[in-house]
């Protein structure tokens, strides 16, 4: 199936790609309603521009590029303030609640990374795109992608270590005098 045929049935294309587009935007923006708005704007842009799609890559990669650019623009327009990430000891290890807390902490930590580096990290580690595809999505070179990934990881590491330190500290319950 060619990319043009894929885009000619835009409703089916939307249904097939929405979950990935939304999760990508959410990982970059870090806030559900803004991610939903960004994805809606991205699909509108893709629909309006579908005739200009050249078919050099997959239609999904083309859409993800639009989603990433829209999500980055959304983060620049409106900064989302995060509270201290949830401590990782709120749930027993290995259960769904623990995994949810870890995902929330990771999304919060990603907000500390600049938008382009964050986008590169989401495309590489979440969507498992190779450097060439990431470079195409972000409109840059593969060398720049490597630099962004390296810097992003370097910036993310201390944030996650701080989060781990917070979660390992004993907590004092409000209103208790025995601590």
Foldseek 3Di string as FASTA:
>chain_A
DAQLVLVVPVVVVCVVQVVVLLVLLCLLQVDNVLSVVLLVVLSVVCNVCVVVDPRPDHNNLVSSLSSLVSSLVSCVVDPDDDDQQDALPPDDPPDPVSVVSVVSLSSVLLSQQRSLLSSLCCCCVVVVDDLVSSCVSPVHHSVVSVVSPVVSCVSSVVSVVVSNVVNVDDDDDPPDDPD
